[in-house]
Protein backbone atom coordinates (compact mmCIF):
# COMPACT_ATOMS: atom_id res chain seq x y z
CA MET A 1 -24.35 84.36 65.62
CA GLN A 2 -27.00 86.95 64.84
CA MET A 3 -26.61 90.54 63.70
CA ASN A 4 -27.48 91.85 67.19
CA ASP A 5 -24.68 89.73 68.66
CA LEU A 6 -22.22 91.15 66.12
CA LEU A 7 -23.27 94.72 66.89
CA THR A 8 -22.98 94.10 70.63
CA TRP A 9 -19.50 92.60 70.14
CA TYR A 10 -18.40 95.52 67.92
CA GLN A 11 -19.73 98.18 70.32
CA ALA A 12 -17.94 96.50 73.24
CA LEU A 13 -14.56 96.95 71.53
CA GLU A 14 -12.24 99.83 72.38
CA PRO A 15 -12.33 102.70 69.82
CA ALA A 16 -8.95 101.78 68.30
CA ALA A 17 -10.05 98.16 67.90
CA GLN A 18 -13.28 99.36 66.27
CA VAL A 19 -11.21 101.32 63.72
CA PHE A 20 -9.04 98.32 62.87
CA TRP A 21 -11.90 95.81 62.74
CA GLY A 22 -14.05 98.23 60.71
CA CYS A 23 -11.27 98.80 58.16
CA ALA A 24 -10.42 95.10 58.01
CA ILE A 25 -13.98 93.88 57.46
CA ALA A 26 -15.16 96.63 55.09
CA SER A 27 -12.02 96.64 52.92
CA SER A 28 -11.89 92.83 52.82
CA ALA A 29 -15.50 92.77 51.59
CA VAL A 30 -14.69 95.31 48.84
CA PHE A 31 -11.50 93.38 47.98
CA LEU A 32 -13.50 90.15 47.70
CA VAL A 33 -16.04 91.79 45.37
CA GLN A 34 -13.22 93.22 43.23
CA ALA A 35 -11.52 89.81 43.07
CA ILE A 36 -14.73 88.07 42.00
CA LEU A 37 -15.47 90.72 39.35
CA THR A 38 -11.90 90.44 38.06
CA MET A 39 -12.10 86.64 37.83
CA ILE A 40 -15.33 86.75 35.84
CA GLY A 41 -14.05 89.58 33.64
CA MET A 42 -16.44 92.31 34.73
CA ASP A 43 -13.98 94.60 36.50
CA HIS A 44 -13.52 96.85 33.45
CA ASP A 45 -17.29 97.22 32.97
CA LEU A 46 -17.44 99.16 36.22
CA ASP A 47 -14.78 101.74 35.32
CA PHE A 48 -15.87 105.34 35.05
CA ASP A 49 -15.40 106.53 31.47
CA ALA A 50 -16.24 110.21 31.93
CA THR A 51 -13.81 112.63 30.28
CA ASP A 52 -10.95 110.24 29.64
CA PHE A 53 -10.88 109.17 33.29
CA ASP A 54 -10.08 105.55 34.11
CA GLY A 55 -12.17 104.50 37.12
CA ASP A 56 -9.31 102.44 38.48
CA THR A 57 -7.10 105.46 39.04
CA MET A 58 -7.49 108.96 40.36
CA ASP A 59 -5.27 110.46 37.71
CA ALA A 60 -6.07 111.38 34.12
CA GLY A 61 -3.28 109.20 32.74
CA GLY A 62 -4.87 105.87 33.65
CA ALA A 63 -1.58 104.47 34.93
CA VAL A 64 -1.30 102.24 37.97
CA SER A 65 -0.61 104.69 40.77
CA LEU A 66 -0.46 104.81 44.53
CA PHE A 67 -3.78 106.68 44.54
CA SER A 68 -5.93 104.19 42.65
CA ILE A 69 -9.13 102.84 44.17
CA ARG A 70 -7.69 99.33 44.25
CA SER A 71 -4.50 100.56 45.92
CA LEU A 72 -6.56 102.26 48.61
CA VAL A 73 -8.58 99.09 49.17
CA ASN A 74 -5.32 97.13 49.49
CA PHE A 75 -3.97 99.74 51.91
CA PHE A 76 -7.00 99.41 54.17
CA VAL A 77 -6.87 95.60 54.01
CA GLY A 78 -3.26 95.68 55.21
CA PHE A 79 -3.89 98.48 57.71
CA GLY A 80 -6.98 96.85 59.22
CA TRP A 81 -5.68 93.31 59.50
CA ALA A 82 -2.28 94.43 60.82
CA GLY A 83 -4.05 96.46 63.50
CA VAL A 84 -6.30 93.54 64.40
CA SER A 85 -3.40 91.08 64.42
CA PHE A 86 -1.07 93.15 66.63
CA TYR A 87 -3.70 94.86 68.81
CA ASN A 88 -3.15 92.67 71.86
CA ASP A 89 0.65 92.44 71.36
CA ILE A 90 1.47 96.16 71.08
CA SER A 91 0.15 98.24 73.96
CA ASN A 92 1.35 101.61 72.63
CA LYS A 93 -1.44 102.61 70.20
CA ALA A 94 0.74 105.17 68.37
CA VAL A 95 3.27 102.44 67.53
CA LEU A 96 0.39 100.14 66.53
CA TYR A 97 -1.04 102.77 64.15
CA ILE A 98 2.41 103.40 62.63
CA LEU A 99 2.96 99.67 62.13
CA ALA A 100 -0.51 99.29 60.59
CA ILE A 101 0.17 102.21 58.22
CA ILE A 102 3.50 100.67 57.18
CA VAL A 103 1.81 97.32 56.48
CA GLY A 104 -0.97 99.12 54.56
CA VAL A 105 1.57 100.97 52.40
CA GLY A 106 3.36 97.67 51.86
CA PHE A 107 0.13 96.03 50.66
CA SER A 108 -0.47 98.96 48.27
CA ASN A 109 3.07 98.74 46.90
CA ILE A 110 2.80 94.98 46.41
CA PHE A 111 -0.42 95.55 44.46
CA ILE A 112 1.19 98.26 42.31
CA TYR A 113 4.23 96.05 41.64
CA MET A 114 2.06 93.08 40.64
CA ARG A 115 -0.23 95.23 38.48
CA ARG A 116 2.74 96.72 36.60
CA LYS A 117 4.17 93.25 35.99
CA MET A 118 0.79 92.08 34.67
CA LYS A 119 0.51 95.13 32.40
CA LYS A 120 3.79 94.08 30.79
CA LEU A 121 2.15 90.77 29.88
CA GLU A 122 -0.59 92.55 27.93
CA HIS A 123 0.08 92.55 24.23
CA ASN A 124 -1.93 93.74 21.28
CA GLY A 125 -1.08 91.56 18.30
CA ALA A 126 -2.90 93.82 15.86
CA TYR A 127 -0.83 95.44 13.16
CA LYS A 128 -1.19 97.22 9.85
CA ILE A 129 0.85 95.91 6.96
CA GLU A 130 1.71 99.52 6.09
CA ASP A 131 3.78 99.62 9.29
CA CYS A 132 6.33 97.42 7.48
CA VAL A 133 7.51 100.28 5.25
CA GLY A 134 10.98 101.35 6.30
CA LYS A 135 11.58 98.21 8.40
CA THR A 136 14.54 95.94 7.93
CA CYS A 137 13.60 92.29 7.53
CA ASP A 138 15.14 88.90 6.78
CA VAL A 139 14.61 87.06 3.50
CA TYR A 140 13.06 83.70 4.38
CA LEU A 141 12.63 82.36 0.83
CA ARG A 142 14.69 83.63 -2.13
CA ILE A 143 13.13 86.61 -3.92
CA PRO A 144 13.39 86.45 -7.75
CA ALA A 145 14.76 89.43 -9.73
CA ALA A 146 12.71 92.22 -11.34
CA GLY A 147 9.32 91.15 -9.95
CA GLU A 148 9.41 87.80 -11.81
CA GLY A 149 8.06 86.00 -8.77
CA ARG A 150 7.58 86.20 -5.05
CA GLY A 151 9.74 85.23 -2.15
CA LYS A 152 9.07 85.52 1.57
CA VAL A 153 10.38 87.80 4.29
CA GLN A 154 10.04 87.85 8.06
CA VAL A 155 9.28 91.21 9.68
CA SER A 156 9.09 92.11 13.37
CA LEU A 157 5.97 94.18 14.14
CA ASN A 158 4.85 95.03 17.67
CA GLY A 159 7.15 92.42 19.14
CA SER A 160 5.93 89.57 16.90
CA ILE A 161 7.50 88.06 13.80
CA HIS A 162 5.25 88.06 10.72
CA GLU A 163 5.87 86.40 7.36
CA PHE A 164 4.89 88.18 4.14
CA ASP A 165 5.25 87.63 0.40
CA ALA A 166 7.86 89.94 -1.10
CA VAL A 167 9.03 91.09 -4.52
CA SER A 168 12.16 92.83 -5.69
CA LYS A 169 12.22 95.47 -8.44
CA GLY A 170 15.98 94.94 -8.85
CA GLU A 171 18.24 91.90 -8.62
CA ALA A 172 17.37 88.55 -7.02
CA ILE A 173 17.84 88.42 -3.23
CA PRO A 174 19.08 85.18 -1.66
CA THR A 175 17.73 83.58 1.54
CA GLY A 176 19.26 84.97 4.72
CA ARG A 177 19.94 88.48 3.39
CA GLN A 178 18.55 91.51 5.20
CA VAL A 179 16.46 93.88 3.11
CA GLU A 180 14.45 97.05 3.61
CA VAL A 181 10.75 97.33 2.85
CA VAL A 182 10.17 100.25 0.46
CA ALA A 183 6.48 99.81 -0.43
CA VAL A 184 3.37 97.72 0.19
CA GLU A 185 1.02 96.65 -2.60
CA GLY A 186 -1.94 94.71 -1.23
CA ASN A 187 -0.40 92.03 0.97
CA VAL A 188 2.94 91.97 -0.88
CA LEU A 189 6.00 93.88 0.27
CA THR A 190 8.42 95.48 -2.17
CA VAL A 191 11.97 95.22 -0.84
CA LYS A 192 15.47 96.35 -1.80
């Protein structure tokens, strides 16, 4: 099929069918490009970074919202393909448009739901040892008294458990006891 044949076919459609086919084809092409860029890791390179604006959303907060570019693409994919699919089955065009809008909103909401679930999977494992000060932790290996040696403690930072050397300025602390971190010297925690 040549381009002239496609144009002739498209121009022969009724105006409502042209709207649905146009939305379905154009939004599916944009969706496919977005999917490919996401799979190869280039989707974030195309975000607009001007004035703390995330190109994926139309709000300054950068959160996943109903009015993101990707949500709009998903809306038009659902809207267009629902209209194309039910065009011959539903003769009342107002009902067809309402159904297509409902399906489009459903596609957008599914995208938002999935994106929020994926955001919860993101985790930054970076931490600063200074963040341990004031935390309660578990003694993993006995800590000798009065700084005469080192023991080990386990501390939860940013949702991960980390193990550090620890010293006590006071009495010895047995394994299994909970202690509080009062200071950090290098990579060694001082606990009480």
